[in-house]
């Protein structure tokens, strides 16, 4: 069993975890940082790299996933956005792609996963006067883009798995 905990980890309100093909561990913190730990890391260990700072667009990140190429996708609950970072990103880096805007139907996105065809599935938590829903975006989606499909009238969907 692996446990990563302690002051050196930089973990603060972790909200989501993803693991890449090499076994590296990605942890998104609601405080606006992403910590990346080397495969096999355990204990009170510092991350191998972090993504944080104002250029990142991280705004109460709540979910995280990776695609087959190692690109990182983050659901930003307060930003009503999905930010994508190129594989290997580190530091105060701007997202390569952002999905945001009224056409996206994003409403406090929480969990996300990439399907076998490359589509991005996102859970959206219910808020007053907006029911929870799952939205699905095509590979390469960017900007204020409409979802390919949505499943509506859910109450508080958070996690998702395929």
N, C-alpha and C. Protein backbone atom coordinates (compact mmCIF):
# COMPACT_ATOMS: atom_id res chain seq x y z
N UNK A 1 0.84 -1.18 0.00
CA UNK A 1 0.00 0.00 0.00
C UNK A 1 0.88 1.24 0.00
N UNK A 2 0.47 2.24 -0.76
CA UNK A 2 1.19 3.51 -0.84
C UNK A 2 0.39 4.58 -0.13
N UNK A 3 1.06 5.35 0.71
CA UNK A 3 0.45 6.50 1.37
C UNK A 3 1.37 7.68 1.16
N UNK A 4 0.81 8.76 0.65
CA UNK A 4 1.56 10.01 0.50
C UNK A 4 0.92 11.00 1.45
N UNK A 5 1.65 11.44 2.45
CA UNK A 5 1.12 12.36 3.45
C UNK A 5 2.27 13.06 4.15
N UNK A 6 1.99 14.27 4.62
CA UNK A 6 2.98 15.03 5.39
C UNK A 6 3.21 16.40 4.79
N UNK A 7 3.93 17.21 5.53
CA UNK A 7 4.17 18.60 5.16
C UNK A 7 4.91 18.75 3.84
N UNK A 8 5.83 17.85 3.53
CA UNK A 8 6.64 17.97 2.31
C UNK A 8 5.84 17.74 1.03
N UNK A 9 4.69 17.09 1.14
CA UNK A 9 3.90 16.72 -0.05
C UNK A 9 3.25 17.90 -0.74
N UNK A 10 2.98 18.95 0.01
CA UNK A 10 2.27 20.10 -0.56
C UNK A 10 0.79 19.83 -0.76
N UNK A 11 0.29 18.72 -0.24
CA UNK A 11 -1.13 18.41 -0.40
C UNK A 11 -1.97 19.29 0.52
N UNK A 12 -3.02 19.87 -0.04
CA UNK A 12 -3.91 20.74 0.72
C UNK A 12 -5.29 20.65 0.09
N UNK A 13 -6.21 19.99 0.76
CA UNK A 13 -7.57 19.76 0.27
C UNK A 13 -7.56 19.00 -1.06
N UNK A 14 -6.92 17.82 -1.09
CA UNK A 14 -6.91 17.05 -2.33
C UNK A 14 -8.33 16.66 -2.73
N UNK A 15 -8.62 16.79 -4.02
CA UNK A 15 -9.99 16.55 -4.50
C UNK A 15 -10.06 15.49 -5.59
N UNK A 16 -8.94 15.16 -6.19
CA UNK A 16 -8.95 14.16 -7.26
C UNK A 16 -7.57 13.60 -7.49
N UNK A 17 -7.54 12.36 -7.99
CA UNK A 17 -6.28 11.66 -8.24
C UNK A 17 -6.36 10.97 -9.59
N UNK A 18 -5.25 10.99 -10.32
CA UNK A 18 -5.14 10.25 -11.58
C UNK A 18 -3.74 9.66 -11.64
N UNK A 19 -3.60 8.57 -12.38
CA UNK A 19 -2.31 7.90 -12.53
C UNK A 19 -2.05 7.72 -14.03
N UNK A 20 -0.85 8.09 -14.49
CA UNK A 20 -0.55 7.93 -15.92
C UNK A 20 0.01 6.54 -16.20
N UNK A 21 0.27 6.26 -17.46
CA UNK A 21 0.73 4.93 -17.89
C UNK A 21 2.05 4.54 -17.24
N UNK A 22 2.89 5.51 -16.85
CA UNK A 22 4.17 5.22 -16.22
C UNK A 22 4.05 5.06 -14.70
N UNK A 23 2.84 5.28 -14.16
CA UNK A 23 2.63 5.14 -12.73
C UNK A 23 2.80 6.42 -11.94
N UNK A 24 3.05 7.55 -12.62
CA UNK A 24 3.14 8.83 -11.92
C UNK A 24 1.76 9.18 -11.37
N UNK A 25 1.71 9.80 -10.19
CA UNK A 25 0.47 10.10 -9.49
C UNK A 25 0.21 11.61 -9.55
N UNK A 26 -0.97 11.98 -10.03
CA UNK A 26 -1.37 13.38 -10.16
C UNK A 26 -2.47 13.65 -9.14
N UNK A 27 -2.25 14.66 -8.28
CA UNK A 27 -3.24 15.01 -7.27
C UNK A 27 -3.63 16.47 -7.46
N UNK A 28 -4.94 16.72 -7.61
CA UNK A 28 -5.42 18.09 -7.73
C UNK A 28 -5.93 18.53 -6.35
N UNK A 29 -5.48 19.70 -5.93
CA UNK A 29 -5.86 20.28 -4.64
C UNK A 29 -6.86 21.40 -4.89
N UNK A 30 -7.94 21.43 -4.10
CA UNK A 30 -8.94 22.49 -4.26
C UNK A 30 -8.35 23.88 -4.06
N UNK A 31 -7.18 23.96 -3.45
CA UNK A 31 -6.52 25.25 -3.21
C UNK A 31 -5.89 25.81 -4.48
N UNK A 32 -5.93 25.05 -5.59
CA UNK A 32 -5.46 25.58 -6.86
C UNK A 32 -4.09 25.09 -7.29
N UNK A 33 -3.72 23.91 -6.86
CA UNK A 33 -2.43 23.34 -7.29
C UNK A 33 -2.61 21.90 -7.75
N UNK A 34 -1.70 21.46 -8.58
CA UNK A 34 -1.62 20.07 -8.98
C UNK A 34 -0.23 19.58 -8.60
N UNK A 35 -0.18 18.51 -7.82
CA UNK A 35 1.09 17.91 -7.41
C UNK A 35 1.27 16.62 -8.18
N UNK A 36 2.46 16.43 -8.75
CA UNK A 36 2.77 15.22 -9.51
C UNK A 36 3.88 14.48 -8.78
N UNK A 37 3.58 13.24 -8.39
CA UNK A 37 4.53 12.41 -7.66
C UNK A 37 5.05 11.31 -8.57
N UNK A 38 6.33 11.03 -8.46
CA UNK A 38 6.95 9.98 -9.27
C UNK A 38 6.34 8.62 -8.93
N UNK A 39 6.34 7.74 -9.90
CA UNK A 39 5.85 6.38 -9.68
C UNK A 39 6.57 5.77 -8.48
N UNK A 40 5.81 5.14 -7.61
CA UNK A 40 6.40 4.51 -6.44
C UNK A 40 6.61 5.43 -5.26
N UNK A 41 6.29 6.72 -5.40
CA UNK A 41 6.47 7.65 -4.29
C UNK A 41 5.61 7.22 -3.11
N UNK A 42 6.13 7.42 -1.91
CA UNK A 42 5.40 7.06 -0.71
C UNK A 42 5.95 7.85 0.46
N UNK A 43 5.09 8.13 1.43
CA UNK A 43 5.52 8.82 2.64
C UNK A 43 5.45 10.33 2.51
N UNK A 44 6.28 11.00 3.29
CA UNK A 44 6.33 12.46 3.33
C UNK A 44 7.34 12.94 2.28
N UNK A 45 6.93 12.87 1.01
CA UNK A 45 7.82 13.15 -0.11
C UNK A 45 7.32 14.36 -0.91
N UNK A 46 8.24 15.18 -1.36
CA UNK A 46 7.88 16.34 -2.17
C UNK A 46 7.47 15.88 -3.57
N UNK A 47 6.57 16.61 -4.22
CA UNK A 47 6.20 16.25 -5.58
C UNK A 47 7.38 16.44 -6.54
N UNK A 48 7.41 15.63 -7.59
CA UNK A 48 8.43 15.76 -8.62
C UNK A 48 8.25 17.07 -9.38
N UNK A 49 7.01 17.50 -9.52
CA UNK A 49 6.71 18.79 -10.15
C UNK A 49 5.32 19.22 -9.72
N UNK A 50 5.05 20.51 -9.88
CA UNK A 50 3.73 21.06 -9.56
C UNK A 50 3.27 21.97 -10.68
N UNK A 51 1.98 22.15 -10.75
CA UNK A 51 1.36 23.14 -11.63
C UNK A 51 0.57 24.06 -10.70
N UNK A 52 0.94 25.35 -10.67
CA UNK A 52 0.24 26.31 -9.82
C UNK A 52 0.59 27.72 -10.25
N UNK A 53 -0.27 28.65 -9.87
CA UNK A 53 -0.04 30.06 -10.17
C UNK A 53 -1.18 30.65 -10.97
N UNK A 54 -1.18 31.97 -11.08
CA UNK A 54 -2.31 32.66 -11.74
C UNK A 54 -2.48 32.33 -13.22
N UNK A 55 -1.42 31.98 -13.93
CA UNK A 55 -1.55 31.69 -15.36
C UNK A 55 -2.27 30.37 -15.63
N UNK A 56 -2.35 29.49 -14.62
CA UNK A 56 -2.91 28.15 -14.82
C UNK A 56 -4.41 28.14 -15.06
N UNK A 57 -5.12 29.15 -14.55
CA UNK A 57 -6.58 29.17 -14.67
C UNK A 57 -7.27 28.22 -13.71
N UNK A 58 -6.52 27.62 -12.79
CA UNK A 58 -7.13 26.72 -11.82
C UNK A 58 -7.99 27.51 -10.84
N UNK A 59 -9.25 27.08 -10.67
CA UNK A 59 -10.20 27.80 -9.83
C UNK A 59 -11.04 26.78 -9.07
N UNK A 60 -10.59 26.43 -7.89
CA UNK A 60 -11.17 25.36 -7.07
C UNK A 60 -11.29 24.09 -7.92
N UNK A 61 -10.14 23.56 -8.35
CA UNK A 61 -10.16 22.34 -9.15
C UNK A 61 -10.69 21.17 -8.33
N UNK A 62 -11.51 20.34 -8.98
CA UNK A 62 -12.18 19.27 -8.25
C UNK A 62 -12.00 17.89 -8.87
N UNK A 63 -11.61 17.81 -10.10
CA UNK A 63 -11.43 16.52 -10.76
C UNK A 63 -10.26 16.57 -11.71
N UNK A 64 -9.69 15.40 -12.01
CA UNK A 64 -8.50 15.35 -12.85
C UNK A 64 -8.49 14.03 -13.62
N UNK A 65 -8.03 14.06 -14.87
CA UNK A 65 -7.85 12.85 -15.66
C UNK A 65 -6.79 13.10 -16.71
N UNK A 66 -6.31 12.03 -17.31
CA UNK A 66 -5.29 12.12 -18.36
C UNK A 66 -5.79 11.38 -19.60
N UNK A 67 -5.38 11.86 -20.78
CA UNK A 67 -5.69 11.12 -22.00
C UNK A 67 -4.53 10.18 -22.33
N UNK A 68 -4.66 9.43 -23.41
CA UNK A 68 -3.65 8.44 -23.79
C UNK A 68 -2.30 9.06 -24.11
N UNK A 69 -2.27 10.35 -24.46
CA UNK A 69 -1.02 11.04 -24.77
C UNK A 69 -0.38 11.69 -23.54
N UNK A 70 -1.04 11.59 -22.39
CA UNK A 70 -0.51 12.18 -21.16
C UNK A 70 -0.94 13.61 -20.93
N UNK A 71 -1.84 14.15 -21.77
CA UNK A 71 -2.37 15.49 -21.54
C UNK A 71 -3.28 15.43 -20.32
N UNK A 72 -3.25 16.47 -19.51
CA UNK A 72 -3.94 16.53 -18.24
C UNK A 72 -5.17 17.42 -18.35
N UNK A 73 -6.32 16.92 -17.89
CA UNK A 73 -7.58 17.67 -17.90
C UNK A 73 -8.03 17.89 -16.47
N UNK A 74 -8.46 19.12 -16.16
CA UNK A 74 -8.87 19.47 -14.81
C UNK A 74 -10.24 20.15 -14.85
N UNK A 75 -11.15 19.69 -13.97
CA UNK A 75 -12.45 20.34 -13.80
C UNK A 75 -12.30 21.43 -12.75
N UNK A 76 -12.70 22.65 -13.08
CA UNK A 76 -12.61 23.79 -12.17
C UNK A 76 -14.02 24.16 -11.72
N UNK A 77 -14.36 23.77 -10.48
CA UNK A 77 -15.72 23.93 -9.97
C UNK A 77 -16.16 25.40 -9.93
N UNK A 78 -15.31 26.28 -9.43
CA UNK A 78 -15.71 27.69 -9.35
C UNK A 78 -15.56 28.41 -10.68
N UNK A 79 -14.71 27.93 -11.54
CA UNK A 79 -14.51 28.58 -12.83
C UNK A 79 -15.46 28.09 -13.90
N UNK A 80 -16.27 27.05 -13.60
CA UNK A 80 -17.15 26.46 -14.61
C UNK A 80 -16.37 26.23 -15.89
N UNK A 81 -15.22 25.57 -15.74
CA UNK A 81 -14.35 25.35 -16.90
C UNK A 81 -13.61 24.03 -16.79
N UNK A 82 -13.12 23.59 -17.93
CA UNK A 82 -12.19 22.47 -18.01
C UNK A 82 -10.91 23.03 -18.60
N UNK A 83 -9.80 22.84 -17.91
CA UNK A 83 -8.51 23.29 -18.44
C UNK A 83 -7.67 22.08 -18.79
N UNK A 84 -6.97 22.18 -19.91
CA UNK A 84 -6.12 21.08 -20.38
C UNK A 84 -4.68 21.56 -20.43
N UNK A 85 -3.77 20.73 -19.92
CA UNK A 85 -2.35 21.04 -19.89
C UNK A 85 -1.59 19.98 -20.67
N UNK A 86 -0.62 20.41 -21.43
CA UNK A 86 0.20 19.48 -22.23
C UNK A 86 0.94 18.52 -21.31
N UNK A 87 1.19 17.32 -21.81
CA UNK A 87 1.95 16.33 -21.05
C UNK A 87 3.27 16.95 -20.59
N UNK A 88 3.63 16.70 -19.34
CA UNK A 88 4.88 17.20 -18.80
C UNK A 88 4.85 18.63 -18.30
N UNK A 89 3.69 19.29 -18.35
CA UNK A 89 3.59 20.69 -17.90
C UNK A 89 4.02 20.83 -16.46
N UNK A 90 4.58 22.01 -16.14
CA UNK A 90 5.05 22.27 -14.80
C UNK A 90 5.08 23.77 -14.56
N UNK A 91 4.91 24.17 -13.30
CA UNK A 91 5.03 25.58 -12.93
C UNK A 91 3.77 26.38 -13.18
N UNK A 92 3.95 27.68 -13.37
CA UNK A 92 2.86 28.61 -13.61
C UNK A 92 2.57 28.66 -15.11
N UNK A 93 2.02 27.57 -15.63
CA UNK A 93 1.81 27.39 -17.06
C UNK A 93 0.35 27.61 -17.43
N UNK A 94 0.12 28.32 -18.52
CA UNK A 94 -1.24 28.51 -19.02
C UNK A 94 -1.76 27.22 -19.63
N UNK A 95 -3.06 26.99 -19.54
CA UNK A 95 -3.60 25.78 -20.17
C UNK A 95 -3.44 25.84 -21.69
N UNK A 96 -3.24 24.68 -22.30
CA UNK A 96 -3.16 24.59 -23.76
C UNK A 96 -4.54 24.81 -24.36
N UNK A 97 -5.57 24.36 -23.64
CA UNK A 97 -6.96 24.47 -24.10
C UNK A 97 -7.84 24.73 -22.89
N UNK A 98 -8.87 25.53 -23.07
CA UNK A 98 -9.88 25.73 -22.04
C UNK A 98 -11.26 25.55 -22.66
N UNK A 99 -12.11 24.81 -21.97
CA UNK A 99 -13.52 24.70 -22.35
C UNK A 99 -14.29 25.50 -21.31
N UNK A 100 -14.99 26.56 -21.74
CA UNK A 100 -15.74 27.40 -20.81
C UNK A 100 -16.72 28.26 -21.61
N UNK A 101 -17.79 28.66 -20.94
CA UNK A 101 -18.78 29.54 -21.56
C UNK A 101 -20.17 28.96 -21.43
N UNK A 102 -21.17 29.78 -21.70
CA UNK A 102 -22.57 29.38 -21.49
C UNK A 102 -23.01 28.22 -22.39
N UNK A 103 -22.45 28.09 -23.56
CA UNK A 103 -22.84 27.02 -24.48
C UNK A 103 -22.38 25.66 -23.98
N UNK A 104 -21.34 25.60 -23.15
CA UNK A 104 -20.77 24.33 -22.67
C UNK A 104 -21.69 23.59 -21.71
N UNK A 105 -22.59 24.31 -21.06
CA UNK A 105 -23.47 23.79 -20.01
C UNK A 105 -22.73 23.39 -18.74
N UNK A 106 -21.45 23.74 -18.63
CA UNK A 106 -20.69 23.42 -17.42
C UNK A 106 -21.27 24.18 -16.23
N UNK A 107 -21.51 23.46 -15.12
CA UNK A 107 -22.05 24.06 -13.91
C UNK A 107 -21.42 23.34 -12.72
N UNK A 108 -20.42 23.93 -12.14
CA UNK A 108 -19.63 23.34 -11.06
C UNK A 108 -19.15 21.93 -11.44
N UNK A 109 -18.35 21.82 -12.52
CA UNK A 109 -17.86 20.50 -12.92
C UNK A 109 -17.04 19.86 -11.80
N UNK A 110 -17.21 18.56 -11.65
CA UNK A 110 -16.59 17.83 -10.54
C UNK A 110 -15.66 16.72 -11.02
N UNK A 111 -16.22 15.71 -11.64
CA UNK A 111 -15.44 14.57 -12.07
C UNK A 111 -15.35 14.55 -13.59
N UNK A 112 -14.29 13.92 -14.10
CA UNK A 112 -14.15 13.81 -15.54
C UNK A 112 -13.33 12.58 -15.89
N UNK A 113 -13.59 12.06 -17.08
CA UNK A 113 -12.90 10.88 -17.57
C UNK A 113 -12.89 10.91 -19.09
N UNK A 114 -11.84 10.36 -19.68
CA UNK A 114 -11.74 10.25 -21.13
C UNK A 114 -12.24 8.86 -21.54
N UNK A 115 -13.18 8.81 -22.47
CA UNK A 115 -13.70 7.54 -22.96
C UNK A 115 -12.75 6.90 -23.96
N UNK A 116 -13.02 5.66 -24.33
CA UNK A 116 -12.16 4.93 -25.25
C UNK A 116 -12.05 5.60 -26.61
N UNK A 117 -13.06 6.34 -27.02
CA UNK A 117 -13.00 7.05 -28.30
C UNK A 117 -12.40 8.44 -28.18
N UNK A 118 -11.98 8.82 -26.98
CA UNK A 118 -11.37 10.14 -26.78
C UNK A 118 -12.34 11.21 -26.32
N UNK A 119 -13.64 10.88 -26.24
CA UNK A 119 -14.60 11.87 -25.74
C UNK A 119 -14.35 12.16 -24.27
N UNK A 120 -14.62 13.39 -23.84
CA UNK A 120 -14.45 13.82 -22.45
C UNK A 120 -15.82 13.85 -21.78
N UNK A 121 -15.99 13.05 -20.72
CA UNK A 121 -17.23 12.98 -19.95
C UNK A 121 -17.03 13.77 -18.66
N UNK A 122 -17.99 14.66 -18.33
CA UNK A 122 -17.86 15.55 -17.17
C UNK A 122 -19.13 15.52 -16.33
N UNK A 123 -18.99 15.31 -15.02
CA UNK A 123 -20.14 15.46 -14.12
C UNK A 123 -20.22 16.91 -13.69
N UNK A 124 -21.44 17.42 -13.62
CA UNK A 124 -21.70 18.80 -13.21
C UNK A 124 -22.65 18.77 -12.02
N UNK A 125 -22.19 19.26 -10.88
CA UNK A 125 -22.95 19.24 -9.64
C UNK A 125 -24.18 20.11 -9.77
N UNK A 126 -25.26 19.71 -9.13
CA UNK A 126 -26.47 20.53 -9.18
C UNK A 126 -26.32 21.74 -8.27
N UNK A 127 -26.80 22.85 -8.72
CA UNK A 127 -26.82 24.10 -7.97
C UNK A 127 -28.24 24.64 -8.02
N UNK A 128 -28.61 25.61 -7.19
CA UNK A 128 -29.98 26.12 -7.23
C UNK A 128 -30.40 26.51 -8.66
N UNK A 129 -31.53 26.01 -9.06
CA UNK A 129 -32.16 26.31 -10.35
C UNK A 129 -31.43 25.69 -11.54
N UNK A 130 -30.41 24.88 -11.29
CA UNK A 130 -29.71 24.17 -12.37
C UNK A 130 -29.55 22.72 -11.93
N UNK A 131 -30.23 21.79 -12.61
CA UNK A 131 -30.07 20.38 -12.22
C UNK A 131 -28.68 19.87 -12.57
N UNK A 132 -28.22 18.87 -11.83
CA UNK A 132 -26.95 18.24 -12.15
C UNK A 132 -27.04 17.53 -13.49
N UNK A 133 -25.91 17.39 -14.16
CA UNK A 133 -25.90 16.72 -15.44
C UNK A 133 -24.52 16.18 -15.77
N UNK A 134 -24.49 15.31 -16.75
CA UNK A 134 -23.24 14.83 -17.33
C UNK A 134 -23.17 15.40 -18.74
N UNK A 135 -22.05 16.02 -19.06
CA UNK A 135 -21.85 16.56 -20.41
C UNK A 135 -20.71 15.81 -21.08
N UNK A 136 -20.78 15.68 -22.40
CA UNK A 136 -19.79 14.92 -23.16
C UNK A 136 -19.26 15.82 -24.28
N UNK A 137 -17.92 15.93 -24.39
CA UNK A 137 -17.28 16.78 -25.38
C UNK A 137 -16.41 15.95 -26.32
N UNK A 138 -16.37 16.34 -27.56
CA UNK A 138 -15.58 15.65 -28.58
C UNK A 138 -14.09 15.84 -28.32
N UNK A 139 -13.26 14.90 -28.78
CA UNK A 139 -11.81 15.10 -28.68
C UNK A 139 -11.42 16.42 -29.36
N UNK A 140 -10.57 17.18 -28.73
CA UNK A 140 -10.13 18.45 -29.29
C UNK A 140 -11.07 19.61 -29.04
N UNK A 141 -12.15 19.40 -28.28
CA UNK A 141 -13.09 20.48 -27.99
C UNK A 141 -12.37 21.62 -27.27
N UNK A 142 -12.75 22.85 -27.62
CA UNK A 142 -12.12 24.02 -27.00
C UNK A 142 -13.07 25.20 -27.05
N UNK A 143 -12.91 26.11 -26.10
CA UNK A 143 -13.70 27.33 -26.09
C UNK A 143 -15.11 27.13 -25.59
N UNK A 144 -16.01 27.95 -26.08
CA UNK A 144 -17.42 27.94 -25.69
C UNK A 144 -18.18 26.99 -26.62
N UNK A 145 -17.90 25.70 -26.47
CA UNK A 145 -18.41 24.67 -27.37
C UNK A 145 -19.55 23.90 -26.70
N UNK A 146 -20.57 23.58 -27.48
CA UNK A 146 -21.68 22.78 -26.97
C UNK A 146 -21.25 21.33 -26.80
N UNK A 147 -21.78 20.66 -25.78
CA UNK A 147 -21.47 19.25 -25.61
C UNK A 147 -22.10 18.42 -26.74
N UNK A 148 -21.47 17.27 -27.02
CA UNK A 148 -22.04 16.34 -27.99
C UNK A 148 -23.38 15.81 -27.50
N UNK A 149 -23.43 15.57 -26.20
CA UNK A 149 -24.66 15.09 -25.56
C UNK A 149 -24.63 15.43 -24.09
N UNK A 150 -25.79 15.34 -23.46
CA UNK A 150 -25.86 15.55 -22.02
C UNK A 150 -26.94 14.66 -21.43
N UNK A 151 -26.74 14.30 -20.18
CA UNK A 151 -27.72 13.55 -19.40
C UNK A 151 -28.11 14.48 -18.27
N UNK A 152 -29.38 14.83 -18.19
CA UNK A 152 -29.82 15.87 -17.26
C UNK A 152 -30.66 15.33 -16.11
N UNK A 153 -31.07 16.27 -15.25
CA UNK A 153 -31.96 16.02 -14.11
C UNK A 153 -31.38 15.04 -13.11
N UNK A 154 -30.11 15.18 -12.82
CA UNK A 154 -29.46 14.39 -11.79
C UNK A 154 -29.31 15.25 -10.55
N UNK A 155 -29.16 14.60 -9.41
CA UNK A 155 -28.96 15.34 -8.18
C UNK A 155 -27.53 15.12 -7.70
N UNK A 156 -26.72 16.14 -7.83
CA UNK A 156 -25.36 16.15 -7.28
C UNK A 156 -24.38 15.11 -7.81
N UNK A 157 -24.31 14.86 -9.12
CA UNK A 157 -23.30 13.91 -9.58
C UNK A 157 -21.89 14.46 -9.34
N UNK A 158 -21.01 13.61 -8.84
CA UNK A 158 -19.65 14.05 -8.54
C UNK A 158 -18.63 13.21 -9.30
N UNK A 159 -18.56 11.92 -9.04
CA UNK A 159 -17.57 11.06 -9.66
C UNK A 159 -18.08 10.41 -10.93
N UNK A 160 -17.15 9.93 -11.73
CA UNK A 160 -17.51 9.24 -12.97
C UNK A 160 -16.39 8.27 -13.36
N UNK A 161 -16.78 7.16 -13.93
CA UNK A 161 -15.83 6.15 -14.36
C UNK A 161 -16.39 5.45 -15.58
N UNK A 162 -15.53 5.02 -16.46
CA UNK A 162 -15.95 4.24 -17.63
C UNK A 162 -15.23 2.93 -17.64
